[in-house]
């Protein structure tokens, strides 16, 4: 099945792209896709503890099953702005 991946903040900077389309196995979960990314780019593992995931703009956990044409966003922590 085909899904769209979206990358934000420091993850976008590390990967050098904001999104990509991928083929993943039927029955894949958020964790399946994250593990694929970490296998390709092991340095991403440092982000894992603080990473949030969203499917169709709703926060989900790693066990969330994916469906064809889903949009999966990877959202690392973002630092806030300063106070005036």
PDB file of N, CA and C in Angstrom:
ATOM      1  N   UNK A   1       0.843  -1.167   0.000  1.00  0.00           N
ATOM      2  CA  UNK A   1       0.000   0.000   0.000  1.00  0.00           C
ATOM      3  C   UNK A   1       0.891   1.234   0.000  1.00  0.00           C
ATOM      4  N   UNK A   2       0.329   2.324  -0.421  1.00  0.00           N
ATOM      5  CA  UNK A   2       1.083   3.568  -0.563  1.00  0.00           C
ATOM      6  C   UNK A   2       0.635   4.566   0.502  1.00  0.00           C
ATOM      7  N   UNK A   3       1.637   5.189   1.168  1.00  0.00           N
ATOM      8  CA  UNK A   3       1.342   6.218   2.167  1.00  0.00           C
ATOM      9  C   UNK A   3       2.237   7.425   1.924  1.00  0.00           C
ATOM     10  N   UNK A   4       1.818   8.562   2.432  1.00  0.00           N
ATOM     11  CA  UNK A   4       2.623   9.787   2.353  1.00  0.00           C
ATOM     12  C   UNK A   4       3.215  10.038   3.733  1.00  0.00           C
ATOM     13  N   UNK A   5       4.525  10.263   3.771  1.00  0.00           N
ATOM     14  CA  UNK A   5       5.213  10.589   5.013  1.00  0.00           C
ATOM     15  C   UNK A   5       5.509  12.072   5.029  1.00  0.00           C
ATOM     16  N   UNK A   6       5.287  12.709   6.172  1.00  0.00           N
ATOM     17  CA  UNK A   6       5.594  14.132   6.343  1.00  0.00           C
ATOM     18  C   UNK A   6       6.571  14.271   7.498  1.00  0.00           C
ATOM     19  N   UNK A   7       7.582  15.104   7.297  1.00  0.00           N
ATOM     20  CA  UNK A   7       8.637  15.294   8.294  1.00  0.00           C
ATOM     21  C   UNK A   7       8.660  16.755   8.739  1.00  0.00           C
ATOM     22  N   UNK A   8       8.763  16.966  10.046  1.00  0.00           N
ATOM     23  CA  UNK A   8       8.734  18.307  10.594  1.00  0.00           C
ATOM     24  C   UNK A   8       9.992  18.596  11.423  1.00  0.00           C
ATOM     25  N   UNK A   9      10.263  19.894  11.573  1.00  0.00           N
ATOM     26  CA  UNK A   9      11.290  20.421  12.474  1.00  0.00           C
ATOM     27  C   UNK A   9      12.650  19.751  12.250  1.00  0.00           C
ATOM     28  N   UNK A  10      13.297  19.299  13.319  1.00  0.00           N
ATOM     29  CA  UNK A  10      14.654  18.756  13.216  1.00  0.00           C
ATOM     30  C   UNK A  10      14.708  17.491  12.363  1.00  0.00           C
ATOM     31  N   UNK A  11      13.630  16.742  12.318  1.00  0.00           N
ATOM     32  CA  UNK A  11      13.607  15.541  11.474  1.00  0.00           C
ATOM     33  C   UNK A  11      13.664  15.940   9.998  1.00  0.00           C
ATOM     34  N   UNK A  12      12.932  16.962   9.639  1.00  0.00           N
ATOM     35  CA  UNK A  12      12.967  17.475   8.265  1.00  0.00           C
ATOM     36  C   UNK A  12      14.391  17.921   7.919  1.00  0.00           C
ATOM     37  N   UNK A  13      15.037  18.599   8.851  1.00  0.00           N
ATOM     38  CA  UNK A  13      16.406  19.064   8.606  1.00  0.00           C
ATOM     39  C   UNK A  13      17.378  17.901   8.458  1.00  0.00           C
ATOM     40  N   UNK A  14      17.235  16.886   9.283  1.00  0.00           N
ATOM     41  CA  UNK A  14      18.131  15.724   9.208  1.00  0.00           C
ATOM     42  C   UNK A  14      17.961  14.963   7.903  1.00  0.00           C
ATOM     43  N   UNK A  15      16.716  14.856   7.425  1.00  0.00           N
ATOM     44  CA  UNK A  15      16.446  14.094   6.212  1.00  0.00           C
ATOM     45  C   UNK A  15      16.583  14.920   4.941  1.00  0.00           C
ATOM     46  N   UNK A  16      16.517  16.240   5.076  1.00  0.00           N
ATOM     47  CA  UNK A  16      16.650  17.098   3.906  1.00  0.00           C
ATOM     48  C   UNK A  16      15.432  17.099   3.006  1.00  0.00           C
ATOM     49  N   UNK A  17      14.287  16.760   3.564  1.00  0.00           N
ATOM     50  CA  UNK A  17      13.040  16.780   2.781  1.00  0.00           C
ATOM     51  C   UNK A  17      11.847  16.933   3.722  1.00  0.00           C
ATOM     52  N   UNK A  18      10.761  17.408   3.184  1.00  0.00           N
ATOM     53  CA  UNK A  18       9.563  17.612   3.997  1.00  0.00           C
ATOM     54  C   UNK A  18       8.588  16.457   3.890  1.00  0.00           C
ATOM     55  N   UNK A  19       8.647  15.733   2.786  1.00  0.00           N
ATOM     56  CA  UNK A  19       7.731  14.606   2.625  1.00  0.00           C
ATOM     57  C   UNK A  19       8.228  13.637   1.577  1.00  0.00           C
ATOM     58  N   UNK A  20       7.604  12.474   1.559  1.00  0.00           N
ATOM     59  CA  UNK A  20       7.879  11.462   0.538  1.00  0.00           C
ATOM     60  C   UNK A  20       6.697  10.496   0.504  1.00  0.00           C
ATOM     61  N   UNK A  21       6.588   9.796  -0.600  1.00  0.00           N
ATOM     62  CA  UNK A  21       5.569   8.756  -0.747  1.00  0.00           C
ATOM     63  C   UNK A  21       6.294   7.427  -0.727  1.00  0.00           C
ATOM     64  N   UNK A  22       5.731   6.479   0.026  1.00  0.00           N
ATOM     65  CA  UNK A  22       6.367   5.164   0.173  1.00  0.00           C
ATOM     66  C   UNK A  22       5.356   4.043  -0.005  1.00  0.00           C
ATOM     67  N   UNK A  23       5.874   2.933  -0.491  1.00  0.00           N
ATOM     68  CA  UNK A  23       5.126   1.679  -0.499  1.00  0.00           C
ATOM     69  C   UNK A  23       5.493   0.940   0.776  1.00  0.00           C
ATOM     70  N   UNK A  24       4.499   0.513   1.529  1.00  0.00           N
ATOM     71  CA  UNK A  24       4.720  -0.259   2.751  1.00  0.00           C
ATOM     72  C   UNK A  24       3.849  -1.505   2.694  1.00  0.00           C
ATOM     73  N   UNK A  25       4.212  -2.518   3.443  1.00  0.00           N
ATOM     74  CA  UNK A  25       3.430  -3.754   3.407  1.00  0.00           C
ATOM     75  C   UNK A  25       2.017  -3.561   3.963  1.00  0.00           C
ATOM     76  N   UNK A  26       1.077  -4.278   3.416  1.00  0.00           N
ATOM     77  CA  UNK A  26      -0.273  -4.283   3.966  1.00  0.00           C
ATOM     78  C   UNK A  26      -0.188  -4.724   5.419  1.00  0.00           C
ATOM     79  N   UNK A  27      -0.922  -4.048   6.299  1.00  0.00           N
ATOM     80  CA  UNK A  27      -0.876  -4.373   7.718  1.00  0.00           C
ATOM     81  C   UNK A  27       0.189  -3.613   8.489  1.00  0.00           C
ATOM     82  N   UNK A  28       0.921  -2.726   7.792  1.00  0.00           N
ATOM     83  CA  UNK A  28       1.968  -1.952   8.465  1.00  0.00           C
ATOM     84  C   UNK A  28       1.354  -1.024   9.511  1.00  0.00           C
ATOM     85  N   UNK A  29       2.130  -0.774  10.546  1.00  0.00           N
ATOM     86  CA  UNK A  29       1.739   0.166  11.592  1.00  0.00           C
ATOM     87  C   UNK A  29       2.694   1.363  11.546  1.00  0.00           C
ATOM     88  N   UNK A  30       2.426   2.350  12.369  1.00  0.00           N
ATOM     89  CA  UNK A  30       3.338   3.482  12.499  1.00  0.00           C
ATOM     90  C   UNK A  30       4.727   2.968  12.884  1.00  0.00           C
ATOM     91  N   UNK A  31       4.783   2.022  13.801  1.00  0.00           N
ATOM     92  CA  UNK A  31       6.068   1.458  14.238  1.00  0.00           C
ATOM     93  C   UNK A  31       6.808   0.794  13.084  1.00  0.00           C
ATOM     94  N   UNK A  32       6.099   0.116  12.207  1.00  0.00           N
ATOM     95  CA  UNK A  32       6.721  -0.530  11.049  1.00  0.00           C
ATOM     96  C   UNK A  32       7.465   0.489  10.209  1.00  0.00           C
ATOM     97  N   UNK A  33       6.808   1.608   9.939  1.00  0.00           N
ATOM     98  CA  UNK A  33       7.408   2.641   9.097  1.00  0.00           C
ATOM     99  C   UNK A  33       8.576   3.314   9.810  1.00  0.00           C
ATOM    100  N   UNK A  34       8.415   3.587  11.100  1.00  0.00           N
ATOM    101  CA  UNK A  34       9.504   4.208  11.863  1.00  0.00           C
ATOM    102  C   UNK A  34      10.739   3.296  11.859  1.00  0.00           C
ATOM    103  N   UNK A  35      10.532   1.996  12.038  1.00  0.00           N
ATOM    104  CA  UNK A  35      11.658   1.057  12.018  1.00  0.00           C
ATOM    105  C   UNK A  35      12.343   1.046  10.654  1.00  0.00           C
ATOM    106  N   UNK A  36      11.575   1.132   9.575  1.00  0.00           N
ATOM    107  CA  UNK A  36      12.168   1.205   8.230  1.00  0.00           C
ATOM    108  C   UNK A  36      13.054   2.448   8.100  1.00  0.00           C
ATOM    109  N   UNK A  37      12.548   3.574   8.575  1.00  0.00           N
ATOM    110  CA  UNK A  37      13.334   4.813   8.509  1.00  0.00           C
ATOM    111  C   UNK A  37      14.613   4.703   9.335  1.00  0.00           C
ATOM    112  N   UNK A  38      14.504   4.139  10.529  1.00  0.00           N
ATOM    113  CA  UNK A  38      15.699   3.995  11.375  1.00  0.00           C
ATOM    114  C   UNK A  38      16.715   3.038  10.766  1.00  0.00           C
ATOM    115  N   UNK A  39      16.262   2.023  10.081  1.00  0.00           N
ATOM    116  CA  UNK A  39      17.193   1.109   9.421  1.00  0.00           C
ATOM    117  C   UNK A  39      17.982   1.836   8.334  1.00  0.00           C
ATOM    118  N   UNK A  40      17.290   2.719   7.614  1.00  0.00           N
ATOM    119  CA  UNK A  40      17.950   3.489   6.561  1.00  0.00           C
ATOM    120  C   UNK A  40      18.847   4.586   7.122  1.00  0.00           C
ATOM    121  N   UNK A  41      18.414   5.190   8.237  1.00  0.00           N
ATOM    122  CA  UNK A  41      19.134   6.309   8.847  1.00  0.00           C
ATOM    123  C   UNK A  41      19.229   6.087  10.354  1.00  0.00           C
ATOM    124  N   UNK A  42      20.174   5.256  10.818  1.00  0.00           N
ATOM    125  CA  UNK A  42      20.277   4.897  12.228  1.00  0.00           C
ATOM    126  C   UNK A  42      20.386   6.098  13.178  1.00  0.00           C
ATOM    127  N   UNK A  43      20.902   7.218  12.694  1.00  0.00           N
ATOM    128  CA  UNK A  43      21.028   8.390  13.557  1.00  0.00           C
ATOM    129  C   UNK A  43      19.682   8.958  13.998  1.00  0.00           C
ATOM    130  N   UNK A  44      18.601   8.528  13.366  1.00  0.00           N
ATOM    131  CA  UNK A  44      17.267   9.000  13.761  1.00  0.00           C
ATOM    132  C   UNK A  44      16.822   8.428  15.104  1.00  0.00           C
ATOM    133  N   UNK A  45      17.450   7.364  15.532  1.00  0.00           N
ATOM    134  CA  UNK A  45      17.056   6.700  16.782  1.00  0.00           C
ATOM    135  C   UNK A  45      17.087   7.649  17.980  1.00  0.00           C
ATOM    136  N   UNK A  46      17.946   8.660  17.959  1.00  0.00           N
ATOM    137  CA  UNK A  46      18.033   9.592  19.094  1.00  0.00           C
ATOM    138  C   UNK A  46      16.750  10.397  19.280  1.00  0.00           C
ATOM    139  N   UNK A  47      15.937  10.494  18.259  1.00  0.00           N
ATOM    140  CA  UNK A  47      14.690  11.263  18.338  1.00  0.00           C
ATOM    141  C   UNK A  47      13.517  10.446  18.878  1.00  0.00           C
ATOM    142  N   UNK A  48      13.686   9.149  18.947  1.00  0.00           N
ATOM    143  CA  UNK A  48      12.556   8.252  19.199  1.00  0.00           C
ATOM    144  C   UNK A  48      11.786   8.543  20.485  1.00  0.00           C
ATOM    145  N   UNK A  49      12.464   8.828  21.577  1.00  0.00           N
ATOM    146  CA  UNK A  49      11.774   9.014  22.858  1.00  0.00           C
ATOM    147  C   UNK A  49      10.829  10.197  22.865  1.00  0.00           C
ATOM    148  N   UNK A  50      11.118  11.200  22.061  1.00  0.00           N
ATOM    149  CA  UNK A  50      10.311  12.410  22.098  1.00  0.00           C
ATOM    150  C   UNK A  50       9.506  12.645  20.819  1.00  0.00           C
ATOM    151  N   UNK A  51       9.471  11.672  19.957  1.00  0.00           N
ATOM    152  CA  UNK A  51       8.786  11.805  18.680  1.00  0.00           C
ATOM    153  C   UNK A  51       7.287  11.564  18.832  1.00  0.00           C
ATOM    154  N   UNK A  52       6.491  12.404  18.178  1.00  0.00           N
ATOM    155  CA  UNK A  52       5.038  12.209  18.128  1.00  0.00           C
ATOM    156  C   UNK A  52       4.675  11.798  16.702  1.00  0.00           C
ATOM    157  N   UNK A  53       3.565  11.093  16.585  1.00  0.00           N
ATOM    158  CA  UNK A  53       3.100  10.604  15.287  1.00  0.00           C
ATOM    159  C   UNK A  53       1.663  11.055  15.077  1.00  0.00           C
ATOM    160  N   UNK A  54       1.322  11.378  13.839  1.00  0.00           N
ATOM    161  CA  UNK A  54      -0.054  11.744  13.519  1.00  0.00           C
ATOM    162  C   UNK A  54      -0.439  11.094  12.196  1.00  0.00           C
ATOM    163  N   UNK A  55      -1.644  10.579  12.144  1.00  0.00           N
ATOM    164  CA  UNK A  55      -2.208  10.041  10.915  1.00  0.00           C
ATOM    165  C   UNK A  55      -3.471  10.837  10.637  1.00  0.00           C
ATOM    166  N   UNK A  56      -3.556  11.359   9.426  1.00  0.00           N
ATOM    167  CA  UNK A  56      -4.694  12.195   9.038  1.00  0.00           C
ATOM    168  C   UNK A  56      -4.898  13.333  10.043  1.00  0.00           C
ATOM    169  N   UNK A  57      -3.791  13.924  10.475  1.00  0.00           N
ATOM    170  CA  UNK A  57      -3.760  15.079  11.376  1.00  0.00           C
ATOM    171  C   UNK A  57      -4.329  14.792  12.771  1.00  0.00           C
ATOM    172  N   UNK A  58      -4.336  13.524  13.167  1.00  0.00           N
ATOM    173  CA  UNK A  58      -4.744  13.116  14.518  1.00  0.00           C
ATOM    174  C   UNK A  58      -3.576  12.370  15.153  1.00  0.00           C
ATOM    175  N   UNK A  59      -3.210  12.749  16.377  1.00  0.00           N
ATOM    176  CA  UNK A  59      -2.124  12.058  17.059  1.00  0.00           C
ATOM    177  C   UNK A  59      -2.496  10.595  17.310  1.00  0.00           C
ATOM    178  N   UNK A  60      -1.519   9.724  17.082  1.00  0.00           N
ATOM    179  CA  UNK A  60      -1.703   8.285  17.264  1.00  0.00           C
ATOM    180  C   UNK A  60      -0.463   7.722  17.949  1.00  0.00           C
ATOM    181  N   UNK A  61      -0.557   6.481  18.423  1.00  0.00           N
ATOM    182  CA  UNK A  61       0.630   5.831  18.964  1.00  0.00           C
ATOM    183  C   UNK A  61       1.235   4.915  17.907  1.00  0.00           C
ATOM    184  N   UNK A  62       2.355   4.304  18.264  1.00  0.00           N
ATOM    185  CA  UNK A  62       3.101   3.476  17.308  1.00  0.00           C
ATOM    186  C   UNK A  62       2.321   2.255  16.818  1.00  0.00           C
ATOM    187  N   UNK A  63       1.350   1.815  17.582  1.00  0.00           N
ATOM    188  CA  UNK A  63       0.623   0.603  17.195  1.00  0.00           C
ATOM    189  C   UNK A  63      -0.492   0.879  16.190  1.00  0.00           C
ATOM    190  N   UNK A  64      -0.697   2.135  15.843  1.00  0.00           N
ATOM    191  CA  UNK A  64      -1.786   2.502  14.937  1.00  0.00           C
ATOM    192  C   UNK A  64      -1.593   1.843  13.575  1.00  0.00           C
ATOM    193  N   UNK A  65      -2.602   1.104  13.090  1.00  0.00           N
ATOM    194  CA  UNK A  65      -2.493   0.477  11.766  1.00  0.00           C
ATOM    195  C   UNK A  65      -2.685   1.510  10.658  1.00  0.00           C
ATOM    196  N   UNK A  66      -1.913   1.370   9.619  1.00  0.00           N
ATOM    197  CA  UNK A  66      -1.992   2.281   8.485  1.00  0.00           C
ATOM    198  C   UNK A  66      -2.853   1.691   7.381  1.00  0.00           C
ATOM    199  N   UNK A  67      -3.444   2.592   6.604  1.00  0.00           N
ATOM    200  CA  UNK A  67      -4.264   2.187   5.462  1.00  0.00           C
ATOM    201  C   UNK A  67      -3.730   2.850   4.206  1.00  0.00           C
ATOM    202  N   UNK A  68      -4.079   2.294   3.072  1.00  0.00           N
ATOM    203  CA  UNK A  68      -3.658   2.845   1.806  1.00  0.00           C
ATOM    204  C   UNK A  68      -4.038   4.329   1.735  1.00  0.00           C
ATOM    205  N   UNK A  69      -3.117   5.144   1.257  1.00  0.00           N
ATOM    206  CA  UNK A  69      -3.283   6.594   1.086  1.00  0.00           C
ATOM    207  C   UNK A  69      -3.284   7.396   2.386  1.00  0.00           C
ATOM    208  N   UNK A  70      -2.907   6.791   3.505  1.00  0.00           N
ATOM    209  CA  UNK A  70      -2.779   7.551   4.752  1.00  0.00           C
ATOM    210  C   UNK A  70      -1.634   8.545   4.641  1.00  0.00           C
ATOM    211  N   UNK A  71      -1.742   9.607   5.424  1.00  0.00           N
ATOM    212  CA  UNK A  71      -0.653  10.559   5.594  1.00  0.00           C
ATOM    213  C   UNK A  71      -0.134  10.397   7.018  1.00  0.00           C
ATOM    214  N   UNK A  72       1.133  10.014   7.146  1.00  0.00           N
ATOM    215  CA  UNK A  72       1.769   9.791   8.436  1.00  0.00           C
ATOM    216  C   UNK A  72       2.787  10.889   8.675  1.00  0.00           C
ATOM    217  N   UNK A  73       2.586  11.651   9.747  1.00  0.00           N
ATOM    218  CA  UNK A  73       3.500  12.738  10.092  1.00  0.00           C
ATOM    219  C   UNK A  73       4.362  12.337  11.276  1.00  0.00           C
ATOM    220  N   UNK A  74       5.633  12.688  11.191  1.00  0.00           N
ATOM    221  CA  UNK A  74       6.591  12.480  12.266  1.00  0.00           C
ATOM    222  C   UNK A  74       6.905  13.853  12.842  1.00  0.00           C
ATOM    223  N   UNK A  75       6.620  14.039  14.126  1.00  0.00           N
ATOM    224  CA  UNK A  75       6.707  15.359  14.740  1.00  0.00           C
ATOM    225  C   UNK A  75       7.649  15.326  15.932  1.00  0.00           C
ATOM    226  N   UNK A  76       8.899  15.766  15.741  1.00  0.00           N
ATOM    227  CA  UNK A  76       9.817  15.846  16.875  1.00  0.00           C
ATOM    228  C   UNK A  76       9.478  17.064  17.730  1.00  0.00           C
ATOM    229  N   UNK A  77      10.042  17.145  18.926  1.00  0.00           N
ATOM    230  CA  UNK A  77       9.775  18.313  19.756  1.00  0.00           C
ATOM    231  C   UNK A  77      10.258  19.586  19.057  1.00  0.00           C
ATOM    232  N   UNK A  78       9.538  20.639  19.276  1.00  0.00           N
ATOM    233  CA  UNK A  78       9.869  21.928  18.680  1.00  0.00           C
ATOM    234  C   UNK A  78      10.088  22.915  19.809  1.00  0.00           C
ATOM    235  N   UNK A  79      11.187  23.644  19.751  1.00  0.00           N
ATOM    236  CA  UNK A  79      11.426  24.638  20.797  1.00  0.00           C
ATOM    237  C   UNK A  79      10.558  25.856  20.541  1.00  0.00           C
ATOM    238  N   UNK A  80      10.129  26.479  21.611  1.00  0.00           N
ATOM    239  CA  UNK A  80       9.253  27.644  21.498  1.00  0.00           C
ATOM    240  C   UNK A  80      10.043  28.913  21.284  1.00  0.00           C
ATOM    241  N   UNK A  81       9.311  29.982  21.049  1.00  0.00           N
ATOM    242  CA  UNK A  81       9.929  31.293  20.867  1.00  0.00           C
ATOM    243  C   UNK A  81      10.273  31.914  22.199  1.00  0.00           C
ATOM    244  N   UNK A  82      10.981  32.995  22.152  1.00  0.00           N
ATOM    245  CA  UNK A  82      11.385  33.705  23.374  1.00  0.00           C
ATOM    246  C   UNK A  82      10.279  34.602  23.874  1.00  0.00           C
ATOM    247  N   UNK A  83      10.433  35.034  25.135  1.00  0.00           N
ATOM    248  CA  UNK A  83       9.475  35.953  25.737  1.00  0.00           C
ATOM    249  C   UNK A  83       9.996  37.374  25.581  1.00  0.00           C
ATOM    250  N   UNK A  84       9.093  38.303  25.327  1.00  0.00           N
ATOM    251  CA  UNK A  84       9.491  39.722  25.220  1.00  0.00           C
ATOM    252  C   UNK A  84       9.458  40.407  26.550  1.00  0.00           C
TER     253      UNK A  84
END
